[in-house]
Amino acid sequence: LQRQEMLRLDKDYLVREVESSKERLSMLETKLLKKEGRVAELKAEKDAMYDKLLAASSEQHEAYSARLEAEMSKWQEQAKLAQESMRDAHERQLAQHRDG
């Protein structure tokens, strides 16, 4: 009889442990689901930020390219004017040399 009582007590204890473990498992699964949801939110936020960064980077690149092209055009125009000025000065020198 004592052995049966001990087995019953062991069984009761194990049943309580199983129930407690099931409750803990349920609670941990709920926490895990919340954390997985948060991870998904953060990934979506990261992707959106990355897209914004790419767009901003692209805009900066385009603005830089436009400024660079404008500077190059300005320098080309200045070089053209300088060449024309040098050509005019050379022609004047030749004309003075012929006349002189």
Protein backbone atom coordinates (compact mmCIF):
# COMPACT_ATOMS: atom_id res chain seq x y z
CA LEU A 1 0.00 0.00 0.00
CA GLN A 2 2.79 2.39 0.77
CA ARG A 3 4.34 1.74 -2.64
CA GLN A 4 1.01 2.53 -4.35
CA GLU A 5 0.72 5.75 -2.38
CA MET A 6 4.26 6.74 -3.42
CA LEU A 7 3.46 5.97 -7.07
CA ARG A 8 0.27 8.01 -6.87
CA LEU A 9 2.17 10.94 -5.35
CA ASP A 10 4.85 10.64 -8.03
CA LYS A 11 2.15 10.51 -10.70
CA ASP A 12 0.41 13.60 -9.26
CA TYR A 13 3.71 15.42 -9.11
CA LEU A 14 4.55 14.51 -12.70
CA VAL A 15 1.08 15.54 -13.88
CA ARG A 16 1.56 18.97 -12.22
CA GLU A 17 5.03 19.26 -13.77
CA VAL A 18 3.64 18.43 -17.22
CA GLU A 19 0.86 21.03 -16.81
CA SER A 20 3.37 23.61 -15.61
CA SER A 21 5.65 22.82 -18.55
CA LYS A 22 2.73 23.12 -20.96
CA GLU A 23 1.84 26.54 -19.51
CA ARG A 24 5.47 27.68 -19.75
CA LEU A 25 5.67 26.39 -23.31
CA SER A 26 2.50 28.26 -24.24
CA MET A 27 3.80 31.44 -22.65
CA LEU A 28 7.19 31.13 -24.39
CA GLU A 29 5.54 30.41 -27.74
CA THR A 30 3.47 33.58 -27.34
CA LYS A 31 6.62 35.57 -26.54
CA LEU A 32 8.36 34.04 -29.53
CA LEU A 33 5.50 34.99 -31.86
CA LYS A 34 5.60 38.57 -30.57
CA LYS A 35 9.36 38.73 -31.07
CA GLU A 36 9.11 37.24 -34.55
CA GLY A 37 6.48 39.87 -35.38
CA ARG A 38 8.77 42.61 -34.10
CA VAL A 39 11.66 41.20 -36.14
CA ALA A 40 9.46 41.29 -39.25
CA GLU A 41 8.52 44.93 -38.49
CA LEU A 42 12.17 45.87 -38.03
CA LYS A 43 13.15 44.12 -41.27
CA ALA A 44 10.44 46.02 -43.14
CA GLU A 45 11.62 49.28 -41.55
CA LYS A 46 15.24 48.45 -42.49
CA ASP A 47 14.20 47.74 -46.09
CA ALA A 48 12.30 51.02 -46.28
CA MET A 49 15.27 52.94 -44.86
CA TYR A 50 17.60 51.21 -47.33
CA ASP A 51 15.31 52.19 -50.21
CA LYS A 52 15.30 55.79 -48.97
CA LEU A 53 19.09 55.72 -48.71
CA LEU A 54 19.41 54.42 -52.26
CA ALA A 55 17.02 57.09 -53.54
CA ALA A 56 18.89 59.85 -51.69
CA SER A 57 22.21 58.52 -52.91
CA SER A 58 20.91 58.41 -56.47
CA GLU A 59 19.60 61.98 -56.19
CA GLN A 60 22.95 63.17 -54.83
CA HIS A 61 24.75 61.40 -57.67
CA GLU A 62 22.46 63.02 -60.23
CA ALA A 63 22.91 66.46 -58.65
CA TYR A 64 26.68 66.01 -58.57
CA SER A 65 26.69 64.89 -62.20
CA ALA A 66 24.62 67.91 -63.21
CA ARG A 67 26.98 70.28 -61.33
CA LEU A 68 30.00 68.58 -62.87
CA GLU A 69 28.56 68.87 -66.37
CA ALA A 70 27.77 72.56 -65.79
CA GLU A 71 31.35 73.20 -64.59
CA MET A 72 32.77 71.31 -67.56
CA SER A 73 30.61 73.33 -69.95
CA LYS A 74 31.74 76.54 -68.29
CA TRP A 75 35.41 75.52 -68.56
CA GLN A 76 34.97 74.48 -72.20
CA GLU A 77 33.38 77.84 -72.97
CA GLN A 78 36.22 79.66 -71.19
CA ALA A 79 38.80 77.60 -73.08
CA LYS A 80 37.04 78.37 -76.36
CA LEU A 81 37.00 82.10 -75.56
CA ALA A 82 40.67 81.98 -74.58
CA GLN A 83 41.58 80.23 -77.86
CA GLU A 84 39.60 82.80 -79.85
CA SER A 85 41.28 85.61 -77.94
CA MET A 86 44.73 84.12 -78.58
CA ARG A 87 43.90 83.65 -82.26
CA ASP A 88 42.69 87.28 -82.52
CA ALA A 89 45.84 88.54 -80.77
CA HIS A 90 48.02 86.45 -83.09
CA GLU A 91 46.20 87.78 -86.15
CA ARG A 92 46.66 91.36 -84.88
CA GLN A 93 50.36 90.72 -84.36
CA LEU A 94 50.66 89.33 -87.89
CA ALA A 95 48.78 92.30 -89.30
CA GLN A 96 51.00 94.73 -87.38
CA HIS A 97 54.09 92.89 -88.55
CA ARG A 98 52.94 93.04 -92.20
CA ASP A 99 52.00 96.71 -91.92
CA GLY A 100 55.03 97.63 -89.89
